[in-house]
Amino acid sequence: MATNERKIVLVTGASSGIGEAIAVRLVREGHHVVAGARRIDRLRALAERTAPDAARSGGGLHPVRLDVTGRADVAAFVEEARDRFGRVDVLVSNAGVMPLSRLDSLLADEWDRMIDVNVRGLLHGVAAALPVFTAQGGGHFVTVASIGAHQVVPASAVYSGTKYAAWAITEGLRQESDPSIRVTTISPGVVTSELADSITDPGAAEAMRTYRANAIEPDAVAGALSYAIAQPADVDVNEIILRPARQR
């Protein structure tokens, strides 16, 4: 598969933030995006908003309701894309949640949610797409992790743990995969998004207001992804870390 041809790209968590920015950029670049998220109304609105770009570029956006915590849901998401387009070139595992809290807050339900979305959701994508990539002789996994995969701060223990797990799973996948299957981890620092809106712990919420004083826009992450998937077939961009210049 030539890397400069139009690709079939599946994006999870595409209804806002980084996932939305990735979908918008890729449609503009002429790719066909299968956009998955629970908020199907927002995906349909995104499809309408990107329609003029799709008409100019030859790309398009196909919205699909998706809950990455359901293994069958993710399998159906990948299967629908293959049935519709005949192949799947890239799976972007972007869906994630970030309800930060100190461990002594004992918000165990929120811990479970992070594990379900950030870790199990990623594994469901691997289980669904790896056989497809193997059968067609190529494909590209992209995991959107976090700078939290590389550092822990107070209130980030569980979140950072899930993002380190995402990094480790993706790196293991890279090492185990045939060279025809490329694997990339993108670890952003502070990005403008609604992720922090899910924080219910008052102390963590206050800390995040200071921490997020400097942020980059989601399209910066989309640009990094665009770079990774556009490389020649013999180039595998293993990891990209990007963050605001002021986030030291």
C-alpha atoms as a PDB file:
ATOM      1  CA  MET A   1       0.000   0.000   0.000  1.00  0.00           C
ATOM      2  CA  ALA A   2       1.505   3.318  -1.011  1.00  0.00           C
ATOM      3  CA  THR A   3       1.561   5.796   1.850  1.00  0.00           C
ATOM      4  CA  ASN A   4       0.476   8.759  -0.291  1.00  0.00           C
ATOM      5  CA  GLU A   5      -2.773   7.201  -1.426  1.00  0.00           C
ATOM      6  CA  ARG A   6      -6.173   7.863   0.069  1.00  0.00           C
ATOM      7  CA  LYS A   7      -6.503   5.853   3.271  1.00  0.00           C
ATOM      8  CA  ILE A   8      -9.400   4.343   5.183  1.00  0.00           C
ATOM      9  CA  VAL A   9      -8.834   5.645   8.710  1.00  0.00           C
ATOM     10  CA  LEU A  10     -10.895   4.607  11.738  1.00  0.00           C
ATOM     11  CA  VAL A  11     -10.897   7.083  14.625  1.00  0.00           C
ATOM     12  CA  THR A  12     -12.371   6.342  18.056  1.00  0.00           C
ATOM     13  CA  GLY A  13     -13.469   9.144  20.354  1.00  0.00           C
ATOM     14  CA  ALA A  14     -14.039  11.334  17.312  1.00  0.00           C
ATOM     15  CA  SER A  15     -16.866  13.507  18.659  1.00  0.00           C
ATOM     16  CA  SER A  16     -14.656  16.126  20.335  1.00  0.00           C
ATOM     17  CA  GLY A  17     -11.147  17.272  21.109  1.00  0.00           C
ATOM     18  CA  ILE A  18      -8.208  15.436  19.571  1.00  0.00           C
ATOM     19  CA  GLY A  19     -10.377  12.832  17.833  1.00  0.00           C
ATOM     20  CA  GLU A  20     -12.504  15.483  16.171  1.00  0.00           C
ATOM     21  CA  ALA A  21      -9.411  17.422  15.060  1.00  0.00           C
ATOM     22  CA  ILE A  22      -7.891  14.254  13.589  1.00  0.00           C
ATOM     23  CA  ALA A  23     -11.067  13.501  11.655  1.00  0.00           C
ATOM     24  CA  VAL A  24     -11.316  17.055  10.298  1.00  0.00           C
ATOM     25  CA  ARG A  25      -7.681  17.164   9.167  1.00  0.00           C
ATOM     26  CA  LEU A  26      -7.747  13.747   7.531  1.00  0.00           C
ATOM     27  CA  VAL A  27     -10.926  14.499   5.576  1.00  0.00           C
ATOM     28  CA  ARG A  28      -9.316  17.734   4.417  1.00  0.00           C
ATOM     29  CA  GLU A  29      -6.301  15.716   3.252  1.00  0.00           C
ATOM     30  CA  GLY A  30      -8.497  13.412   1.184  1.00  0.00           C
ATOM     31  CA  HIS A  31      -8.806  10.367   3.416  1.00  0.00           C
ATOM     32  CA  HIS A  32     -11.983   8.461   4.214  1.00  0.00           C
ATOM     33  CA  VAL A  33     -12.603   8.645   7.959  1.00  0.00           C
ATOM     34  CA  VAL A  34     -14.862   6.248   9.826  1.00  0.00           C
ATOM     35  CA  ALA A  35     -15.566   8.264  12.963  1.00  0.00           C
ATOM     36  CA  GLY A  36     -16.684   6.415  16.081  1.00  0.00           C
ATOM     37  CA  ALA A  37     -18.051   7.766  19.378  1.00  0.00           C
ATOM     38  CA  ARG A  38     -21.032   7.379  21.689  1.00  0.00           C
ATOM     39  CA  ARG A  39     -22.427  10.818  20.777  1.00  0.00           C
ATOM     40  CA  ILE A  40     -23.656   9.970  17.300  1.00  0.00           C
ATOM     41  CA  ASP A  41     -25.464  13.312  16.991  1.00  0.00           C
ATOM     42  CA  ARG A  42     -22.140  15.146  17.223  1.00  0.00           C
ATOM     43  CA  LEU A  43     -20.597  12.810  14.656  1.00  0.00           C
ATOM     44  CA  ARG A  44     -23.430  13.455  12.227  1.00  0.00           C
ATOM     45  CA  ALA A  45     -22.971  17.193  12.704  1.00  0.00           C
ATOM     46  CA  LEU A  46     -19.243  16.721  12.089  1.00  0.00           C
ATOM     47  CA  ALA A  47     -19.985  14.849   8.854  1.00  0.00           C
ATOM     48  CA  GLU A  48     -22.106  17.783   7.670  1.00  0.00           C
ATOM     49  CA  ARG A  49     -19.465  20.309   8.687  1.00  0.00           C
ATOM     50  CA  THR A  50     -16.697  18.469   6.836  1.00  0.00           C
ATOM     51  CA  ALA A  51     -18.784  17.806   3.709  1.00  0.00           C
ATOM     52  CA  PRO A  52     -17.395  20.844   1.804  1.00  0.00           C
ATOM     53  CA  ASP A  53     -13.819  19.729   2.554  1.00  0.00           C
ATOM     54  CA  ALA A  54     -14.716  16.186   1.490  1.00  0.00           C
ATOM     55  CA  ALA A  55     -16.112  17.448  -1.801  1.00  0.00           C
ATOM     56  CA  ARG A  56     -12.890  19.323  -2.524  1.00  0.00           C
ATOM     57  CA  SER A  57     -10.468  16.606  -1.393  1.00  0.00           C
ATOM     58  CA  GLY A  58     -12.274  13.429  -2.420  1.00  0.00           C
ATOM     59  CA  GLY A  59     -12.333  12.213   1.169  1.00  0.00           C
ATOM     60  CA  GLY A  60     -15.292  11.778   3.472  1.00  0.00           C
ATOM     61  CA  LEU A  61     -16.524  11.101   6.982  1.00  0.00           C
ATOM     62  CA  HIS A  62     -18.788   8.194   7.919  1.00  0.00           C
ATOM     63  CA  PRO A  63     -20.229   8.429  11.472  1.00  0.00           C
ATOM     64  CA  VAL A  64     -20.727   5.276  13.552  1.00  0.00           C
ATOM     65  CA  ARG A  65     -22.019   5.036  17.096  1.00  0.00           C
ATOM     66  CA  LEU A  66     -19.324   3.304  19.144  1.00  0.00           C
ATOM     67  CA  ASP A  67     -18.667   2.440  22.778  1.00  0.00           C
ATOM     68  CA  VAL A  68     -15.083   1.191  22.991  1.00  0.00           C
ATOM     69  CA  THR A  69     -15.764  -0.569  26.303  1.00  0.00           C
ATOM     70  CA  GLY A  70     -17.815  -3.172  24.412  1.00  0.00           C
ATOM     71  CA  ARG A  71     -15.664  -5.695  22.575  1.00  0.00           C
ATOM     72  CA  ALA A  72     -18.474  -6.616  20.184  1.00  0.00           C
ATOM     73  CA  ASP A  73     -19.102  -2.913  19.507  1.00  0.00           C
ATOM     74  CA  VAL A  74     -15.486  -2.364  18.442  1.00  0.00           C
ATOM     75  CA  ALA A  75     -15.454  -5.537  16.350  1.00  0.00           C
ATOM     76  CA  ALA A  76     -18.587  -4.345  14.531  1.00  0.00           C
ATOM     77  CA  PHE A  77     -17.011  -0.899  14.025  1.00  0.00           C
ATOM     78  CA  VAL A  78     -13.990  -2.400  12.247  1.00  0.00           C
ATOM     79  CA  GLU A  79     -16.116  -4.876  10.302  1.00  0.00           C
ATOM     80  CA  GLU A  80     -18.464  -2.148   9.075  1.00  0.00           C
ATOM     81  CA  ALA A  81     -15.513  -0.145   7.780  1.00  0.00           C
ATOM     82  CA  ARG A  82     -14.057  -3.143   5.954  1.00  0.00           C
ATOM     83  CA  ASP A  83     -17.433  -4.056   4.462  1.00  0.00           C
ATOM     84  CA  ARG A  84     -18.046  -0.492   3.292  1.00  0.00           C
ATOM     85  CA  PHE A  85     -14.584   0.292   1.883  1.00  0.00           C
ATOM     86  CA  GLY A  86     -13.004  -3.121   1.298  1.00  0.00           C
ATOM     87  CA  ARG A  87     -10.081  -2.539   3.623  1.00  0.00           C
ATOM     88  CA  VAL A  88      -8.907  -0.757   6.774  1.00  0.00           C
ATOM     89  CA  ASP A  89      -5.617   1.135   6.571  1.00  0.00           C
ATOM     90  CA  VAL A  90      -5.309   2.895   9.938  1.00  0.00           C
ATOM     91  CA  LEU A  91      -6.927   2.446  13.362  1.00  0.00           C
ATOM     92  CA  VAL A  92      -6.552   5.483  15.619  1.00  0.00           C
ATOM     93  CA  SER A  93      -7.326   4.476  19.211  1.00  0.00           C
ATOM     94  CA  ASN A  94      -8.028   7.899  20.645  1.00  0.00           C
ATOM     95  CA  ALA A  95     -11.020   7.414  22.974  1.00  0.00           C
ATOM     96  CA  GLY A  96     -10.064   8.237  26.540  1.00  0.00           C
ATOM     97  CA  VAL A  97     -11.305   9.654  29.837  1.00  0.00           C
ATOM     98  CA  MET A  98      -9.441  11.578  32.556  1.00  0.00           C
ATOM     99  CA  PRO A  99     -11.361  11.968  35.847  1.00  0.00           C
ATOM    100  CA  LEU A 100      -8.261  12.696  37.929  1.00  0.00           C
ATOM    101  CA  SER A 101      -8.318  12.298  41.707  1.00  0.00           C
ATOM    102  CA  ARG A 102      -6.060  11.491  44.621  1.00  0.00           C
ATOM    103  CA  LEU A 103      -6.051   7.838  45.567  1.00  0.00           C
ATOM    104  CA  ASP A 104      -7.312   8.657  49.079  1.00  0.00           C
ATOM    105  CA  SER A 105     -10.465  10.086  47.496  1.00  0.00           C
ATOM    106  CA  LEU A 106     -11.365   6.432  46.796  1.00  0.00           C
ATOM    107  CA  LEU A 107     -13.313   7.205  43.613  1.00  0.00           C
ATOM    108  CA  ALA A 108     -13.203   3.567  42.569  1.00  0.00           C
ATOM    109  CA  ASP A 109     -15.987   3.860  39.995  1.00  0.00           C
ATOM    110  CA  GLU A 110     -13.950   6.496  38.178  1.00  0.00           C
ATOM    111  CA  TRP A 111     -10.858   4.276  38.331  1.00  0.00           C
ATOM    112  CA  ASP A 112     -12.862   1.487  36.728  1.00  0.00           C
ATOM    113  CA  ARG A 113     -14.091   3.819  33.993  1.00  0.00           C
ATOM    114  CA  MET A 114     -10.541   4.856  33.119  1.00  0.00           C
ATOM    115  CA  ILE A 115      -9.419   1.236  32.959  1.00  0.00           C
ATOM    116  CA  ASP A 116     -12.418   0.273  30.830  1.00  0.00           C
ATOM    117  CA  VAL A 117     -12.001   3.083  28.273  1.00  0.00           C
ATOM    118  CA  ASN A 118      -8.261   3.768  28.259  1.00  0.00           C
ATOM    119  CA  VAL A 119      -7.005   0.179  28.488  1.00  0.00           C
ATOM    120  CA  ARG A 120      -9.752  -2.266  27.568  1.00  0.00           C
ATOM    121  CA  GLY A 121     -10.938   0.017  24.778  1.00  0.00           C
ATOM    122  CA  LEU A 122      -7.463  -0.038  23.273  1.00  0.00           C
ATOM    123  CA  LEU A 123      -7.230  -3.829  23.551  1.00  0.00           C
ATOM    124  CA  HIS A 124     -10.632  -4.215  21.901  1.00  0.00           C
ATOM    125  CA  GLY A 125      -9.310  -2.231  18.952  1.00  0.00           C
ATOM    126  CA  VAL A 126      -6.226  -4.438  18.681  1.00  0.00           C
ATOM    127  CA  ALA A 127      -8.347  -7.595  18.841  1.00  0.00           C
ATOM    128  CA  ALA A 128     -10.644  -6.302  16.100  1.00  0.00           C
ATOM    129  CA  ALA A 129      -8.097  -4.820  13.695  1.00  0.00           C
ATOM    130  CA  LEU A 130      -5.056  -7.077  13.998  1.00  0.00           C
ATOM    131  CA  PRO A 131      -6.625 -10.017  12.119  1.00  0.00           C
ATOM    132  CA  VAL A 132      -7.783  -7.609   9.398  1.00  0.00           C
ATOM    133  CA  PHE A 133      -4.319  -6.058   9.019  1.00  0.00           C
ATOM    134  CA  THR A 134      -2.710  -9.497   8.982  1.00  0.00           C
ATOM    135  CA  ALA A 135      -5.090 -10.824   6.316  1.00  0.00           C
ATOM    136  CA  GLN A 136      -4.657  -7.821   4.025  1.00  0.00           C
ATOM    137  CA  GLY A 137      -0.882  -7.682   4.477  1.00  0.00           C
ATOM    138  CA  GLY A 138      -0.579  -4.322   6.171  1.00  0.00           C
ATOM    139  CA  GLY A 139      -2.084  -1.621   8.336  1.00  0.00           C
ATOM    140  CA  HIS A 140      -1.211   1.022  10.884  1.00  0.00           C
ATOM    141  CA  PHE A 141      -2.134   1.191  14.573  1.00  0.00           C
ATOM    142  CA  VAL A 142      -1.985   4.632  16.183  1.00  0.00           C
ATOM    143  CA  THR A 143      -2.548   4.998  19.922  1.00  0.00           C
ATOM    144  CA  VAL A 144      -3.168   8.430  21.394  1.00  0.00           C
ATOM    145  CA  ALA A 145      -1.653   8.067  24.858  1.00  0.00           C
ATOM    146  CA  SER A 146      -0.553  11.027  26.998  1.00  0.00           C
ATOM    147  CA  ILE A 147       2.436  12.665  28.596  1.00  0.00           C
ATOM    148  CA  GLY A 148       0.934  10.882  31.604  1.00  0.00           C
ATOM    149  CA  ALA A 149       2.448   7.696  30.176  1.00  0.00           C
ATOM    150  CA  HIS A 150       5.846   9.165  31.076  1.00  0.00           C
ATOM    151  CA  GLN A 151       5.222  11.023  34.312  1.00  0.00           C
ATOM    152  CA  VAL A 152       3.060  10.879  37.426  1.00  0.00           C
ATOM    153  CA  VAL A 153       1.858  13.901  39.378  1.00  0.00           C
ATOM    154  CA  PRO A 154      -0.446  14.045  42.415  1.00  0.00           C
ATOM    155  CA  ALA A 155      -3.989  13.003  41.411  1.00  0.00           C
ATOM    156  CA  SER A 156      -2.800  11.330  38.185  1.00  0.00           C
ATOM    157  CA  ALA A 157      -1.833   7.904  39.564  1.00  0.00           C
ATOM    158  CA  VAL A 158      -4.645   5.885  37.991  1.00  0.00           C
ATOM    159  CA  TYR A 159      -4.835   7.956  34.811  1.00  0.00           C
ATOM    160  CA  SER A 160      -1.074   7.777  34.336  1.00  0.00           C
ATOM    161  CA  GLY A 161      -1.252   4.052  35.047  1.00  0.00           C
ATOM    162  CA  THR A 162      -3.782   3.555  32.261  1.00  0.00           C
ATOM    163  CA  LYS A 163      -1.746   5.663  29.846  1.00  0.00           C
ATOM    164  CA  TYR A 164       1.459   3.831  30.723  1.00  0.00           C
ATOM    165  CA  ALA A 165      -0.466   0.618  30.060  1.00  0.00           C
ATOM    166  CA  ALA A 166      -1.570   2.033  26.693  1.00  0.00           C
ATOM    167  CA  TRP A 167       2.050   2.899  25.876  1.00  0.00           C
ATOM    168  CA  ALA A 168       3.287  -0.545  26.951  1.00  0.00           C
ATOM    169  CA  ILE A 169       0.572  -2.429  25.053  1.00  0.00           C
ATOM    170  CA  THR A 170       1.261  -0.424  21.917  1.00  0.00           C
ATOM    171  CA  GLU A 171       5.031  -0.905  22.185  1.00  0.00           C
ATOM    172  CA  GLY A 172       4.510  -4.632  22.701  1.00  0.00           C
ATOM    173  CA  LEU A 173       2.267  -4.708  19.651  1.00  0.00           C
ATOM    174  CA  ARG A 174       4.983  -2.984  17.623  1.00  0.00           C
ATOM    175  CA  GLN A 175       7.594  -5.526  18.650  1.00  0.00           C
ATOM    176  CA  GLU A 176       5.345  -8.510  18.011  1.00  0.00           C
ATOM    177  CA  SER A 177       3.874  -7.362  14.687  1.00  0.00           C
ATOM    178  CA  ASP A 178       5.004  -8.206  11.182  1.00  0.00           C
ATOM    179  CA  PRO A 179       6.969  -5.319   9.589  1.00  0.00           C
ATOM    180  CA  SER A 180       4.053  -4.744   7.212  1.00  0.00           C
ATOM    181  CA  ILE A 181       2.066  -3.491  10.217  1.00  0.00           C
ATOM    182  CA  ARG A 182       3.207  -0.119  11.519  1.00  0.00           C
ATOM    183  CA  VAL A 183       2.602   1.000  15.107  1.00  0.00           C
ATOM    184  CA  THR A 184       2.753   4.534  16.499  1.00  0.00           C
ATOM    185  CA  THR A 185       2.148   6.033  19.932  1.00  0.00           C
ATOM    186  CA  ILE A 186       1.383   9.742  20.185  1.00  0.00           C
ATOM    187  CA  SER A 187       1.780  11.204  23.676  1.00  0.00           C
ATOM    188  CA  PRO A 188       0.443  14.762  23.924  1.00  0.00           C
ATOM    189  CA  GLY A 189       0.950  17.131  26.803  1.00  0.00           C
ATOM    190  CA  VAL A 190      -1.745  19.635  27.737  1.00  0.00           C
ATOM    191  CA  VAL A 191      -4.241  20.000  24.897  1.00  0.00           C
ATOM    192  CA  THR A 192      -7.362  22.143  24.791  1.00  0.00           C
ATOM    193  CA  SER A 193     -10.220  19.655  25.253  1.00  0.00           C
ATOM    194  CA  GLU A 194     -13.160  18.723  27.441  1.00  0.00           C
ATOM    195  CA  LEU A 195     -11.264  15.893  29.177  1.00  0.00           C
ATOM    196  CA  ALA A 196     -10.811  17.882  32.370  1.00  0.00           C
ATOM    197  CA  ASP A 197     -14.562  18.518  32.568  1.00  0.00           C
ATOM    198  CA  SER A 198     -15.023  14.992  33.951  1.00  0.00           C
ATOM    199  CA  ILE A 199     -12.940  15.671  37.085  1.00  0.00           C
ATOM    200  CA  THR A 200     -15.199  15.495  40.143  1.00  0.00           C
ATOM    201  CA  ASP A 201     -12.511  15.668  42.841  1.00  0.00           C
ATOM    202  CA  PRO A 202     -12.349  19.360  43.928  1.00  0.00           C
ATOM    203  CA  GLY A 203      -8.610  19.343  44.680  1.00  0.00           C
ATOM    204  CA  ALA A 204      -7.729  17.735  41.355  1.00  0.00           C
ATOM    205  CA  ALA A 205     -10.027  20.110  39.489  1.00  0.00           C
ATOM    206  CA  GLU A 206      -8.325  23.147  41.057  1.00  0.00           C
ATOM    207  CA  ALA A 207      -4.851  21.772  40.301  1.00  0.00           C
ATOM    208  CA  MET A 208      -5.836  21.167  36.684  1.00  0.00           C
ATOM    209  CA  ARG A 209      -6.941  24.780  36.236  1.00  0.00           C
ATOM    210  CA  THR A 210      -3.352  25.835  36.956  1.00  0.00           C
ATOM    211  CA  TYR A 211      -1.795  22.948  35.047  1.00  0.00           C
ATOM    212  CA  ARG A 212      -3.839  23.693  31.927  1.00  0.00           C
ATOM    213  CA  ALA A 213      -3.043  27.409  31.843  1.00  0.00           C
ATOM    214  CA  ASN A 214      -0.886  26.743  28.784  1.00  0.00           C
ATOM    215  CA  ALA A 215      -2.278  24.356  26.196  1.00  0.00           C
ATOM    216  CA  ILE A 216      -1.866  23.544  22.516  1.00  0.00           C
ATOM    217  CA  GLU A 217      -4.781  23.087  20.165  1.00  0.00           C
ATOM    218  CA  PRO A 218      -5.959  19.592  19.152  1.00  0.00           C
ATOM    219  CA  ASP A 219      -4.957  20.183  15.540  1.00  0.00           C
ATOM    220  CA  ALA A 220      -1.307  20.074  16.639  1.00  0.00           C
ATOM    221  CA  VAL A 221      -1.840  16.439  17.585  1.00  0.00           C
ATOM    222  CA  ALA A 222      -3.729  15.827  14.351  1.00  0.00           C
ATOM    223  CA  GLY A 223      -0.733  17.201  12.471  1.00  0.00           C
ATOM    224  CA  ALA A 224       1.585  14.764  14.243  1.00  0.00           C
ATOM    225  CA  LEU A 225      -0.684  11.877  13.305  1.00  0.00           C
ATOM    226  CA  SER A 226      -0.879  13.045   9.703  1.00  0.00           C
ATOM    227  CA  TYR A 227       2.919  13.052   9.569  1.00  0.00           C
ATOM    228  CA  ALA A 228       3.173   9.523  10.982  1.00  0.00           C
ATOM    229  CA  ILE A 229       0.714   7.896   8.595  1.00  0.00           C
ATOM    230  CA  ALA A 230       2.150   9.702   5.552  1.00  0.00           C
ATOM    231  CA  GLN A 231       5.639   8.226   5.891  1.00  0.00           C
ATOM    232  CA  PRO A 232       6.941   5.691   3.343  1.00  0.00           C
ATOM    233  CA  ALA A 233       5.969   2.083   4.038  1.00  0.00           C
ATOM    234  CA  ASP A 234       9.462   1.235   5.294  1.00  0.00           C
ATOM    235  CA  VAL A 235       9.390   4.039   7.906  1.00  0.00           C
ATOM    236  CA  ASP A 236       7.664   3.319  11.214  1.00  0.00           C
ATOM    237  CA  VAL A 237       7.297   6.376  13.454  1.00  0.00           C
ATOM    238  CA  ASN A 238       7.288   4.649  16.839  1.00  0.00           C
ATOM    239  CA  GLU A 239       6.447   7.518  19.171  1.00  0.00           C
ATOM    240  CA  ILE A 240       5.810  11.238  19.088  1.00  0.00           C
ATOM    241  CA  ILE A 241       5.764  13.353  22.253  1.00  0.00           C
ATOM    242  CA  LEU A 242       4.468  16.884  21.821  1.00  0.00           C
ATOM    243  CA  ARG A 243       3.425  19.491  24.330  1.00  0.00           C
ATOM    244  CA  PRO A 244       3.154  23.231  24.832  1.00  0.00           C
ATOM    245  CA  ALA A 245       6.548  24.948  24.752  1.00  0.00           C
ATOM    246  CA  ARG A 246       5.748  26.305  28.213  1.00  0.00           C
ATOM    247  CA  GLN A 247       5.017  22.854  29.639  1.00  0.00           C
ATOM    248  CA  ARG A 248       8.480  21.961  30.889  1.00  0.00           C
END
